[in-house]
Amino acid sequence: MSSASILWLAMAMGVFVLANSVLRAYSASTYLPTLVGALLLFSLGNLMMVRLMRESGLALAISVSSVVQLVLISLVAVLWFGERPSPRQLAGMALGVVAVVLIAWPQGGEA
């Protein structure tokens, strides 16, 4: 991924983390405009992902996006909402990070 793609990915992840946080807030309040705001943010995040899919391919863009969202949203859940993942969930997140590193690792001269 180019540095421009990484920056775009960071911005898209920010949108997705915000969308999930707003959706979590909606689950506690059921205030309809909150739900609409979350859906608009999810739509914006998905539109941003189209550029990444064009530049780096579907497999890489979605894999990296999914695991980055998993880790960031888990951090928000712990820090903002006071949730505590189990050791098994933490291990799953770690395995996801390892998987993305292996997927995104530069290919070099391999065939």
Protein backbone atom coordinates (compact mmCIF):
# COMPACT_ATOMS: atom_id res chain seq x y z
CA MET A 1 0.00 0.00 0.00
CA SER A 2 1.22 3.48 -0.81
CA SER A 3 1.48 6.16 1.84
CA ALA A 4 -1.53 7.92 0.29
CA SER A 5 -3.54 4.70 0.57
CA ILE A 6 -2.50 4.27 4.18
CA LEU A 7 -3.63 7.83 4.95
CA TRP A 8 -6.95 7.20 3.17
CA LEU A 9 -7.33 3.94 5.12
CA ALA A 10 -6.72 5.80 8.38
CA MET A 11 -9.42 8.32 7.52
CA ALA A 12 -11.86 5.57 6.52
CA MET A 13 -11.14 3.72 9.77
CA GLY A 14 -11.84 6.91 11.69
CA VAL A 15 -15.22 7.15 9.99
CA PHE A 16 -16.01 3.50 10.73
CA VAL A 17 -14.96 3.79 14.37
CA LEU A 18 -17.12 6.89 14.75
CA ALA A 19 -20.03 5.13 13.02
CA ASN A 20 -19.77 2.13 15.35
CA SER A 21 -19.51 4.38 18.40
CA VAL A 22 -22.62 6.30 17.32
CA LEU A 23 -24.43 3.01 16.70
CA ARG A 24 -23.46 1.81 20.19
CA ALA A 25 -24.81 5.07 21.61
CA TYR A 26 -28.04 4.48 19.67
CA SER A 27 -28.42 1.04 21.24
CA ALA A 28 -28.54 2.74 24.65
CA SER A 29 -30.89 5.57 23.68
CA THR A 30 -32.98 4.43 20.66
CA TYR A 31 -33.06 8.07 19.46
CA LEU A 32 -33.82 7.68 15.72
CA PRO A 33 -31.59 10.55 14.45
CA THR A 34 -28.64 8.79 16.12
CA LEU A 35 -29.34 5.69 14.04
CA VAL A 36 -29.62 7.77 10.86
CA GLY A 37 -26.29 9.45 11.67
CA ALA A 38 -24.61 6.07 12.16
CA LEU A 39 -25.98 4.79 8.85
CA LEU A 40 -24.74 7.90 7.03
CA LEU A 41 -21.29 7.43 8.55
CA PHE A 42 -21.23 3.76 7.51
CA SER A 43 -22.19 4.79 3.97
CA LEU A 44 -19.39 7.36 3.87
CA GLY A 45 -16.89 4.79 5.15
CA ASN A 46 -17.92 2.29 2.49
CA LEU A 47 -17.61 4.91 -0.24
CA MET A 48 -14.11 5.67 1.01
CA MET A 49 -13.27 1.97 0.85
CA VAL A 50 -14.04 1.89 -2.89
CA ARG A 51 -10.88 3.92 -3.58
CA LEU A 52 -8.79 1.54 -1.50
CA MET A 53 -10.23 -1.48 -3.27
CA ARG A 54 -9.37 0.05 -6.64
CA GLU A 55 -5.80 0.85 -5.61
CA SER A 56 -4.82 -2.24 -3.62
CA GLY A 57 -7.38 -4.87 -4.52
CA LEU A 58 -10.38 -6.25 -2.71
CA ALA A 59 -8.59 -8.89 -0.61
CA LEU A 60 -5.95 -6.57 0.81
CA ALA A 61 -8.22 -3.57 1.38
CA ILE A 62 -10.99 -5.49 3.12
CA SER A 63 -8.62 -7.68 5.15
CA VAL A 64 -6.66 -4.72 6.49
CA SER A 65 -9.82 -2.69 7.05
CA SER A 66 -11.57 -5.48 8.94
CA VAL A 67 -8.73 -6.13 11.36
CA VAL A 68 -7.91 -2.46 11.92
CA GLN A 69 -11.59 -1.84 12.68
CA LEU A 70 -11.65 -4.86 14.99
CA VAL A 71 -8.72 -3.56 17.04
CA LEU A 72 -9.78 0.11 17.07
CA ILE A 73 -13.41 -0.62 17.92
CA SER A 74 -12.30 -2.99 20.68
CA LEU A 75 -10.19 -0.17 22.10
CA VAL A 76 -13.20 2.16 21.99
CA ALA A 77 -15.32 -0.51 23.68
CA VAL A 78 -12.78 -0.86 26.48
CA LEU A 79 -11.87 2.80 26.95
CA TRP A 80 -15.21 4.50 26.29
CA PHE A 81 -17.89 1.95 27.11
CA GLY A 82 -16.07 -0.02 29.82
CA GLU A 83 -16.38 -3.40 28.11
CA ARG A 84 -13.79 -6.10 28.81
CA PRO A 85 -12.84 -8.66 26.14
CA SER A 86 -12.12 -12.19 27.32
CA PRO A 87 -8.67 -13.76 26.90
CA ARG A 88 -10.03 -15.80 23.98
CA GLN A 89 -11.27 -12.62 22.28
CA LEU A 90 -7.88 -10.96 22.82
CA ALA A 91 -6.17 -14.00 21.30
CA GLY A 92 -8.51 -13.80 18.31
CA MET A 93 -7.61 -10.15 17.80
CA ALA A 94 -3.91 -11.01 17.97
CA LEU A 95 -4.37 -13.77 15.38
CA GLY A 96 -6.23 -11.31 13.16
CA VAL A 97 -3.31 -8.89 13.34
CA VAL A 98 -0.87 -11.68 12.45
CA ALA A 99 -3.08 -12.70 9.52
CA VAL A 100 -3.18 -9.16 8.12
CA VAL A 101 0.57 -8.77 8.50
CA LEU A 102 1.02 -11.95 6.47
CA ILE A 103 -1.49 -10.79 3.83
CA ALA A 104 -0.03 -7.30 3.54
CA TRP A 105 3.64 -8.33 3.71
CA PRO A 106 5.48 -7.17 0.58
CA GLN A 107 5.62 -9.98 -1.97
CA GLY A 108 9.12 -9.32 -3.30
CA GLY A 109 10.24 -11.87 -5.87
CA GLU A 110 7.87 -14.70 -4.91
CA ALA A 111 5.78 -16.26 -7.66
